[in-house]
Amino acid sequence: MGMEKIIEYCGNVSGRDHDKFREIDLTPLPGQRVKSPMVSECIIHYECNVIYKTKIEISRLPKEIISKYYPSRDYHTLYIGEVLAVLADEDAKEKLSPLSS
């Protein structure tokens, strides 16, 4: 599975209901500053502390956004975090350089 598909899956499936690591065969690594695991297959990791969260105010969303992105009424929670650490593979620059051309 390509990274684009992994990102799409992880962004659309709740960790409350699914074991994402098992279901799409990802390798967990222990976090260094937080208890959440990192994903071994990723090149760069951001470890964050949640400092604020709020439910999306459905009444403030345009109806076309609700019908397009929330047809099941599974509204998101918005999180604001403080970045505690940024970790990258030693060769991250080389791995990412084809993306910038």
N, C-alpha and C. Protein backbone atom coordinates (compact mmCIF):
# COMPACT_ATOMS: atom_id res chain seq x y z
N MET A 1 0.86 -1.18 0.00
CA MET A 1 0.00 0.00 0.00
C MET A 1 0.90 1.23 0.00
N GLY A 2 0.65 2.18 -0.90
CA GLY A 2 1.43 3.40 -0.97
C GLY A 2 1.10 4.35 0.16
N MET A 3 2.01 5.27 0.42
CA MET A 3 1.83 6.21 1.53
C MET A 3 0.57 7.05 1.37
N GLU A 4 0.20 7.39 0.13
CA GLU A 4 -1.03 8.17 -0.08
C GLU A 4 -2.26 7.40 0.42
N LYS A 5 -2.29 6.11 0.14
CA LYS A 5 -3.42 5.27 0.58
C LYS A 5 -3.41 5.11 2.10
N ILE A 6 -2.22 5.00 2.68
CA ILE A 6 -2.10 4.88 4.13
C ILE A 6 -2.62 6.15 4.80
N ILE A 7 -2.23 7.30 4.28
CA ILE A 7 -2.69 8.57 4.84
C ILE A 7 -4.20 8.71 4.71
N GLU A 8 -4.72 8.35 3.56
CA GLU A 8 -6.16 8.42 3.34
C GLU A 8 -6.90 7.51 4.33
N TYR A 9 -6.42 6.27 4.47
CA TYR A 9 -7.05 5.32 5.38
C TYR A 9 -7.01 5.85 6.82
N CYS A 10 -5.81 6.24 7.27
CA CYS A 10 -5.66 6.69 8.65
C CYS A 10 -6.46 7.95 8.94
N GLY A 11 -6.65 8.80 7.94
CA GLY A 11 -7.42 10.02 8.12
C GLY A 11 -8.92 9.80 8.11
N ASN A 12 -9.35 8.65 7.62
CA ASN A 12 -10.79 8.39 7.50
C ASN A 12 -11.32 7.30 8.41
N VAL A 13 -10.44 6.62 9.14
CA VAL A 13 -10.85 5.52 10.00
C VAL A 13 -10.49 5.87 11.44
N SER A 14 -11.43 5.66 12.34
CA SER A 14 -11.22 6.00 13.74
C SER A 14 -10.40 4.93 14.45
N GLY A 15 -9.40 5.38 15.19
CA GLY A 15 -8.61 4.48 16.02
C GLY A 15 -9.40 3.92 17.19
N ARG A 16 -10.54 4.52 17.49
CA ARG A 16 -11.40 3.97 18.55
C ARG A 16 -12.04 2.66 18.10
N ASP A 17 -12.27 2.57 16.78
CA ASP A 17 -13.00 1.42 16.25
C ASP A 17 -12.12 0.43 15.50
N HIS A 18 -10.90 0.83 15.16
CA HIS A 18 -10.03 0.00 14.33
C HIS A 18 -8.60 -0.02 14.86
N ASP A 19 -7.92 -1.13 14.66
CA ASP A 19 -6.49 -1.22 14.94
C ASP A 19 -5.78 -0.93 13.62
N LYS A 20 -5.49 0.33 13.40
CA LYS A 20 -4.92 0.76 12.12
C LYS A 20 -3.60 0.08 11.82
N PHE A 21 -2.76 -0.10 12.83
CA PHE A 21 -1.47 -0.75 12.62
C PHE A 21 -1.66 -2.17 12.08
N ARG A 22 -2.55 -2.92 12.68
CA ARG A 22 -2.79 -4.30 12.25
C ARG A 22 -3.49 -4.36 10.90
N GLU A 23 -4.50 -3.52 10.72
CA GLU A 23 -5.34 -3.60 9.52
C GLU A 23 -4.61 -3.24 8.24
N ILE A 24 -3.63 -2.34 8.31
CA ILE A 24 -2.91 -2.00 7.08
C ILE A 24 -1.42 -2.30 7.19
N ASP A 25 -1.08 -3.16 8.15
CA ASP A 25 0.26 -3.71 8.28
C ASP A 25 1.34 -2.64 8.45
N LEU A 26 1.12 -1.78 9.45
CA LEU A 26 2.12 -0.77 9.80
C LEU A 26 2.91 -1.23 11.02
N THR A 27 4.11 -0.70 11.17
CA THR A 27 4.99 -1.09 12.27
C THR A 27 5.04 0.04 13.30
N PRO A 28 4.55 -0.21 14.53
CA PRO A 28 4.61 0.83 15.55
C PRO A 28 6.01 0.94 16.17
N LEU A 29 6.39 2.17 16.47
CA LEU A 29 7.62 2.47 17.21
C LEU A 29 7.21 3.24 18.45
N PRO A 30 7.90 3.05 19.56
CA PRO A 30 7.54 3.84 20.75
C PRO A 30 7.83 5.32 20.53
N GLY A 31 6.91 6.16 20.99
CA GLY A 31 7.15 7.59 20.95
C GLY A 31 8.28 7.96 21.90
N GLN A 32 8.96 9.05 21.60
CA GLN A 32 10.06 9.48 22.46
C GLN A 32 9.62 10.50 23.50
N ARG A 33 8.63 11.32 23.16
CA ARG A 33 8.17 12.35 24.09
C ARG A 33 6.70 12.18 24.49
N VAL A 34 5.97 11.34 23.76
CA VAL A 34 4.56 11.11 24.04
C VAL A 34 4.29 9.61 24.07
N LYS A 35 3.15 9.20 24.60
CA LYS A 35 2.88 7.77 24.69
C LYS A 35 2.31 7.19 23.39
N SER A 36 1.84 8.03 22.49
CA SER A 36 1.33 7.53 21.20
C SER A 36 2.47 6.97 20.38
N PRO A 37 2.21 5.87 19.67
CA PRO A 37 3.29 5.29 18.85
C PRO A 37 3.53 6.09 17.57
N MET A 38 4.74 5.94 17.06
CA MET A 38 5.08 6.49 15.75
C MET A 38 4.92 5.36 14.74
N VAL A 39 4.89 5.71 13.46
CA VAL A 39 4.76 4.74 12.38
C VAL A 39 6.12 4.58 11.73
N SER A 40 6.70 3.39 11.84
CA SER A 40 8.05 3.13 11.33
C SER A 40 8.19 3.47 9.85
N GLU A 41 7.14 3.25 9.08
CA GLU A 41 7.19 3.47 7.63
C GLU A 41 7.24 4.95 7.24
N CYS A 42 7.00 5.84 8.19
CA CYS A 42 7.05 7.29 7.90
C CYS A 42 8.48 7.81 7.98
N ILE A 43 8.77 8.82 7.20
CA ILE A 43 10.11 9.41 7.13
C ILE A 43 10.30 10.46 8.23
N ILE A 44 9.23 11.20 8.51
CA ILE A 44 9.28 12.28 9.51
C ILE A 44 8.15 12.07 10.51
N HIS A 45 8.44 12.33 11.79
CA HIS A 45 7.44 12.20 12.85
C HIS A 45 7.36 13.50 13.63
N TYR A 46 6.14 13.92 13.92
CA TYR A 46 5.89 15.07 14.79
C TYR A 46 5.24 14.54 16.05
N GLU A 47 5.84 14.80 17.18
CA GLU A 47 5.22 14.41 18.45
C GLU A 47 4.63 15.67 19.08
N CYS A 48 3.34 15.59 19.38
CA CYS A 48 2.62 16.78 19.84
C CYS A 48 1.87 16.51 21.14
N ASN A 49 1.68 17.57 21.88
CA ASN A 49 0.86 17.57 23.07
C ASN A 49 -0.42 18.33 22.72
N VAL A 50 -1.57 17.70 22.94
CA VAL A 50 -2.84 18.37 22.67
C VAL A 50 -3.05 19.45 23.73
N ILE A 51 -3.22 20.70 23.26
CA ILE A 51 -3.45 21.79 24.21
C ILE A 51 -4.89 22.30 24.17
N TYR A 52 -5.62 21.92 23.11
CA TYR A 52 -7.02 22.35 23.00
C TYR A 52 -7.72 21.47 21.98
N LYS A 53 -8.98 21.14 22.23
CA LYS A 53 -9.79 20.44 21.25
C LYS A 53 -11.22 20.94 21.34
N THR A 54 -11.90 20.90 20.20
CA THR A 54 -13.28 21.36 20.15
C THR A 54 -14.02 20.62 19.04
N LYS A 55 -15.27 20.38 19.24
CA LYS A 55 -16.10 19.77 18.21
C LYS A 55 -16.40 20.81 17.14
N ILE A 56 -16.47 20.36 15.91
CA ILE A 56 -16.83 21.26 14.81
C ILE A 56 -18.26 21.74 15.04
N GLU A 57 -18.49 23.03 14.84
CA GLU A 57 -19.83 23.59 14.99
C GLU A 57 -20.59 23.36 13.69
N ILE A 58 -21.41 22.33 13.68
CA ILE A 58 -22.12 21.93 12.48
C ILE A 58 -22.97 23.07 11.93
N SER A 59 -23.57 23.83 12.81
CA SER A 59 -24.46 24.92 12.38
C SER A 59 -23.71 26.00 11.60
N ARG A 60 -22.38 26.03 11.72
CA ARG A 60 -21.58 27.06 11.02
C ARG A 60 -21.02 26.56 9.69
N LEU A 61 -21.22 25.27 9.39
CA LEU A 61 -20.72 24.72 8.13
C LEU A 61 -21.75 24.89 7.03
N PRO A 62 -21.29 25.23 5.82
CA PRO A 62 -22.23 25.29 4.69
C PRO A 62 -22.82 23.90 4.42
N LYS A 63 -24.08 23.86 4.02
CA LYS A 63 -24.77 22.59 3.79
C LYS A 63 -24.04 21.72 2.75
N GLU A 64 -23.43 22.34 1.73
CA GLU A 64 -22.72 21.55 0.72
C GLU A 64 -21.48 20.86 1.30
N ILE A 65 -20.86 21.45 2.30
CA ILE A 65 -19.72 20.82 2.98
C ILE A 65 -20.22 19.61 3.79
N ILE A 66 -21.33 19.80 4.49
CA ILE A 66 -21.89 18.71 5.29
C ILE A 66 -22.27 17.54 4.38
N SER A 67 -22.97 17.81 3.29
CA SER A 67 -23.41 16.71 2.43
C SER A 67 -22.24 16.03 1.72
N LYS A 68 -21.20 16.79 1.38
CA LYS A 68 -20.06 16.20 0.66
C LYS A 68 -19.12 15.44 1.59
N TYR A 69 -18.76 16.03 2.72
CA TYR A 69 -17.73 15.46 3.59
C TYR A 69 -18.26 14.72 4.82
N TYR A 70 -19.51 14.95 5.18
CA TYR A 70 -20.07 14.33 6.37
C TYR A 70 -21.43 13.67 6.09
N PRO A 71 -21.53 12.87 5.04
CA PRO A 71 -22.83 12.26 4.73
C PRO A 71 -23.32 11.33 5.84
N SER A 72 -22.40 10.76 6.62
CA SER A 72 -22.77 9.87 7.72
C SER A 72 -22.90 10.62 9.04
N ARG A 73 -22.74 11.94 8.98
CA ARG A 73 -22.81 12.78 10.18
C ARG A 73 -21.74 12.43 11.20
N ASP A 74 -20.58 11.97 10.73
CA ASP A 74 -19.46 11.62 11.61
C ASP A 74 -18.49 12.80 11.69
N TYR A 75 -18.93 13.83 12.37
CA TYR A 75 -18.20 15.10 12.43
C TYR A 75 -16.87 14.96 13.17
N HIS A 76 -15.93 15.76 12.75
CA HIS A 76 -14.59 15.74 13.32
C HIS A 76 -14.50 16.57 14.61
N THR A 77 -13.47 16.29 15.35
CA THR A 77 -13.05 17.14 16.46
C THR A 77 -11.78 17.84 15.99
N LEU A 78 -11.69 19.13 16.20
CA LEU A 78 -10.52 19.91 15.81
C LEU A 78 -9.54 19.94 16.98
N TYR A 79 -8.30 19.56 16.71
CA TYR A 79 -7.26 19.54 17.75
C TYR A 79 -6.21 20.60 17.46
N ILE A 80 -5.76 21.26 18.51
CA ILE A 80 -4.64 22.19 18.42
C ILE A 80 -3.56 21.63 19.33
N GLY A 81 -2.36 21.51 18.77
CA GLY A 81 -1.29 20.90 19.54
C GLY A 81 -0.03 21.72 19.58
N GLU A 82 0.78 21.40 20.54
CA GLU A 82 2.12 21.99 20.69
C GLU A 82 3.12 20.92 20.23
N VAL A 83 3.95 21.27 19.26
CA VAL A 83 4.95 20.32 18.77
C VAL A 83 6.05 20.20 19.82
N LEU A 84 6.25 18.98 20.30
CA LEU A 84 7.28 18.71 21.31
C LEU A 84 8.58 18.22 20.69
N ALA A 85 8.46 17.51 19.57
CA ALA A 85 9.66 16.95 18.94
C ALA A 85 9.37 16.69 17.47
N VAL A 86 10.39 16.84 16.65
CA VAL A 86 10.34 16.47 15.24
C VAL A 86 11.48 15.50 15.02
N LEU A 87 11.14 14.31 14.55
CA LEU A 87 12.13 13.26 14.34
C LEU A 87 12.10 12.87 12.87
N ALA A 88 13.26 12.67 12.29
CA ALA A 88 13.32 12.32 10.87
C ALA A 88 14.39 11.27 10.63
N ASP A 89 14.17 10.44 9.61
CA ASP A 89 15.20 9.50 9.18
C ASP A 89 16.44 10.30 8.78
N GLU A 90 17.61 9.74 8.97
CA GLU A 90 18.85 10.43 8.60
C GLU A 90 18.88 10.81 7.13
N ASP A 91 18.25 10.00 6.28
CA ASP A 91 18.25 10.27 4.85
C ASP A 91 16.92 10.87 4.37
N ALA A 92 16.19 11.53 5.27
CA ALA A 92 14.89 12.11 4.92
C ALA A 92 14.99 13.10 3.77
N LYS A 93 16.02 13.91 3.74
CA LYS A 93 16.15 14.91 2.68
C LYS A 93 16.26 14.24 1.31
N GLU A 94 17.04 13.17 1.24
CA GLU A 94 17.17 12.45 -0.03
C GLU A 94 15.87 11.74 -0.41
N LYS A 95 15.20 11.16 0.58
CA LYS A 95 13.94 10.46 0.32
C LYS A 95 12.86 11.42 -0.16
N LEU A 96 12.89 12.65 0.35
CA LEU A 96 11.87 13.63 -0.01
C LEU A 96 12.23 14.47 -1.23
N SER A 97 13.49 14.50 -1.63
CA SER A 97 13.91 15.37 -2.73
C SER A 97 13.18 15.10 -4.04
N PRO A 98 12.83 13.86 -4.41
CA PRO A 98 12.07 13.68 -5.65
C PRO A 98 10.70 14.35 -5.61
N LEU A 99 10.17 14.56 -4.43
CA LEU A 99 8.86 15.20 -4.29
C LEU A 99 8.92 16.69 -4.60
N SER A 100 10.07 17.30 -4.42
CA SER A 100 10.17 18.75 -4.64
C SER A 100 10.51 19.11 -6.08
N SER A 101 10.79 18.13 -6.92
CA SER A 101 11.10 18.46 -8.31
C SER A 101 9.90 18.37 -9.20
